[in-house]
Amino acid sequence: MSRRRTLLGVGEVLAWWAVLALLWLVFISAVNTLELVVGASAALIGACAAWGARRAVNGW
């Protein structure tokens, strides 16, 4: 894997994570430390899944 592909993959996962984490924060009722940790973790899992799904569909 080239360095450019690695950076693009990391950038894509970070973009997905930011969007999903923002959605999590919008939809929860109380923002506390536990909610932030759970939301960030769930967003990271979702971001990795979205990246993998896009990679599988495009044959990257």
N, C-alpha and C. Protein backbone atom coordinates (compact mmCIF):
# COMPACT_ATOMS: atom_id res chain seq x y z
N MET A 1 0.85 -1.17 0.00
CA MET A 1 0.00 0.00 0.00
C MET A 1 0.90 1.24 0.00
N SER A 2 0.63 2.16 -0.89
CA SER A 2 1.45 3.35 -0.97
C SER A 2 1.10 4.33 0.14
N ARG A 3 2.00 5.25 0.34
CA ARG A 3 1.79 6.25 1.40
C ARG A 3 0.56 7.12 1.09
N ARG A 4 0.36 7.44 -0.19
CA ARG A 4 -0.80 8.26 -0.58
C ARG A 4 -2.11 7.54 -0.27
N ARG A 5 -2.17 6.26 -0.60
CA ARG A 5 -3.39 5.48 -0.31
C ARG A 5 -3.65 5.39 1.19
N THR A 6 -2.58 5.23 1.95
CA THR A 6 -2.72 5.16 3.40
C THR A 6 -3.28 6.47 3.94
N LEU A 7 -2.73 7.59 3.48
CA LEU A 7 -3.22 8.89 3.94
C LEU A 7 -4.67 9.14 3.51
N LEU A 8 -5.01 8.73 2.30
CA LEU A 8 -6.40 8.87 1.85
C LEU A 8 -7.35 8.01 2.68
N GLY A 9 -6.92 6.80 3.01
CA GLY A 9 -7.74 5.93 3.84
C GLY A 9 -7.94 6.48 5.24
N VAL A 10 -6.86 6.99 5.83
CA VAL A 10 -6.95 7.59 7.17
C VAL A 10 -7.83 8.84 7.12
N GLY A 11 -7.67 9.64 6.09
CA GLY A 11 -8.49 10.84 5.95
C GLY A 11 -9.97 10.51 5.79
N GLU A 12 -10.25 9.46 5.04
CA GLU A 12 -11.64 9.06 4.85
C GLU A 12 -12.25 8.55 6.15
N VAL A 13 -11.50 7.75 6.88
CA VAL A 13 -12.01 7.24 8.17
C VAL A 13 -12.23 8.41 9.13
N LEU A 14 -11.32 9.37 9.17
CA LEU A 14 -11.50 10.54 10.03
C LEU A 14 -12.72 11.36 9.63
N ALA A 15 -12.94 11.49 8.34
CA ALA A 15 -14.13 12.24 7.88
C ALA A 15 -15.41 11.52 8.29
N TRP A 16 -15.45 10.21 8.07
CA TRP A 16 -16.62 9.43 8.49
C TRP A 16 -16.82 9.53 10.00
N TRP A 17 -15.71 9.43 10.75
CA TRP A 17 -15.80 9.49 12.20
C TRP A 17 -16.37 10.84 12.64
N ALA A 18 -15.91 11.91 12.04
CA ALA A 18 -16.39 13.24 12.42
C ALA A 18 -17.89 13.38 12.16
N VAL A 19 -18.34 12.92 11.02
CA VAL A 19 -19.76 13.01 10.69
C VAL A 19 -20.60 12.16 11.64
N LEU A 20 -20.17 10.93 11.87
CA LEU A 20 -20.94 10.04 12.75
C LEU A 20 -20.92 10.51 14.20
N ALA A 21 -19.79 11.02 14.66
CA ALA A 21 -19.71 11.54 16.03
C ALA A 21 -20.61 12.76 16.19
N LEU A 22 -20.63 13.62 15.19
CA LEU A 22 -21.51 14.79 15.24
C LEU A 22 -22.98 14.37 15.28
N LEU A 23 -23.35 13.40 14.48
CA LEU A 23 -24.73 12.89 14.52
C LEU A 23 -25.06 12.32 15.89
N TRP A 24 -24.13 11.59 16.46
CA TRP A 24 -24.35 11.03 17.80
C TRP A 24 -24.62 12.14 18.79
N LEU A 25 -23.80 13.18 18.76
CA LEU A 25 -23.97 14.29 19.71
C LEU A 25 -25.29 15.03 19.49
N VAL A 26 -25.75 15.10 18.25
CA VAL A 26 -27.02 15.78 17.97
C VAL A 26 -28.19 14.99 18.54
N PHE A 27 -28.12 13.68 18.48
CA PHE A 27 -29.27 12.86 18.86
C PHE A 27 -29.32 12.42 20.31
N ILE A 28 -28.26 12.63 21.09
CA ILE A 28 -28.34 12.24 22.50
C ILE A 28 -28.91 13.39 23.31
N SER A 29 -29.46 13.05 24.45
CA SER A 29 -30.11 14.08 25.26
C SER A 29 -29.18 14.71 26.28
N ALA A 30 -28.25 13.93 26.82
CA ALA A 30 -27.34 14.45 27.84
C ALA A 30 -25.91 14.17 27.41
N VAL A 31 -25.10 15.20 27.41
CA VAL A 31 -23.70 15.03 27.02
C VAL A 31 -22.85 14.95 28.28
N ASN A 32 -22.34 13.77 28.56
CA ASN A 32 -21.41 13.59 29.67
C ASN A 32 -20.24 12.74 29.18
N THR A 33 -19.31 12.47 30.04
CA THR A 33 -18.09 11.77 29.63
C THR A 33 -18.37 10.38 29.06
N LEU A 34 -19.23 9.64 29.72
CA LEU A 34 -19.55 8.30 29.24
C LEU A 34 -20.19 8.35 27.85
N GLU A 35 -21.11 9.27 27.65
CA GLU A 35 -21.74 9.40 26.33
C GLU A 35 -20.73 9.77 25.26
N LEU A 36 -19.77 10.63 25.58
CA LEU A 36 -18.74 11.00 24.62
C LEU A 36 -17.86 9.81 24.25
N VAL A 37 -17.49 9.00 25.24
CA VAL A 37 -16.66 7.83 24.98
C VAL A 37 -17.42 6.81 24.14
N VAL A 38 -18.66 6.54 24.51
CA VAL A 38 -19.46 5.58 23.75
C VAL A 38 -19.72 6.09 22.34
N GLY A 39 -20.04 7.36 22.21
CA GLY A 39 -20.29 7.93 20.89
C GLY A 39 -19.07 7.91 20.00
N ALA A 40 -17.91 8.27 20.56
CA ALA A 40 -16.68 8.26 19.77
C ALA A 40 -16.32 6.84 19.34
N SER A 41 -16.51 5.88 20.24
CA SER A 41 -16.22 4.48 19.91
C SER A 41 -17.16 3.95 18.83
N ALA A 42 -18.44 4.22 18.98
CA ALA A 42 -19.41 3.77 17.99
C ALA A 42 -19.16 4.44 16.64
N ALA A 43 -18.81 5.71 16.67
CA ALA A 43 -18.52 6.42 15.43
C ALA A 43 -17.28 5.84 14.75
N LEU A 44 -16.27 5.46 15.52
CA LEU A 44 -15.07 4.87 14.95
C LEU A 44 -15.37 3.52 14.31
N ILE A 45 -16.17 2.72 14.97
CA ILE A 45 -16.56 1.42 14.40
C ILE A 45 -17.35 1.62 13.11
N GLY A 46 -18.28 2.56 13.13
CA GLY A 46 -19.06 2.86 11.93
C GLY A 46 -18.21 3.42 10.80
N ALA A 47 -17.24 4.25 11.15
CA ALA A 47 -16.35 4.83 10.14
C ALA A 47 -15.50 3.74 9.47
N CYS A 48 -14.98 2.83 10.26
CA CYS A 48 -14.19 1.73 9.71
C CYS A 48 -15.06 0.82 8.84
N ALA A 49 -16.28 0.58 9.25
CA ALA A 49 -17.20 -0.24 8.46
C ALA A 49 -17.55 0.45 7.14
N ALA A 50 -17.78 1.76 7.18
CA ALA A 50 -18.10 2.51 5.96
C ALA A 50 -16.92 2.51 5.00
N TRP A 51 -15.72 2.69 5.54
CA TRP A 51 -14.52 2.67 4.70
C TRP A 51 -14.33 1.29 4.07
N GLY A 52 -14.50 0.26 4.86
CA GLY A 52 -14.35 -1.10 4.33
C GLY A 52 -15.40 -1.44 3.28
N ALA A 53 -16.63 -0.99 3.52
CA ALA A 53 -17.71 -1.24 2.55
C ALA A 53 -17.44 -0.51 1.24
N ARG A 54 -16.99 0.73 1.32
CA ARG A 54 -16.69 1.47 0.10
C ARG A 54 -15.50 0.85 -0.63
N ARG A 55 -14.54 0.40 0.13
CA ARG A 55 -13.37 -0.24 -0.47
C ARG A 55 -13.78 -1.55 -1.16
N ALA A 56 -14.68 -2.31 -0.56
CA ALA A 56 -15.14 -3.56 -1.16
C ALA A 56 -15.95 -3.33 -2.43
N VAL A 57 -16.78 -2.30 -2.41
CA VAL A 57 -17.62 -2.01 -3.58
C VAL A 57 -16.78 -1.49 -4.74
N ASN A 58 -15.81 -0.63 -4.45
CA ASN A 58 -14.99 -0.05 -5.51
C ASN A 58 -13.83 -0.95 -5.93
N GLY A 59 -13.57 -1.99 -5.19
CA GLY A 59 -12.48 -2.88 -5.53
C GLY A 59 -11.12 -2.25 -5.32
N TRP A 60 -11.01 -1.38 -4.34
CA TRP A 60 -9.77 -0.66 -4.07
C TRP A 60 -8.82 -1.57 -3.48
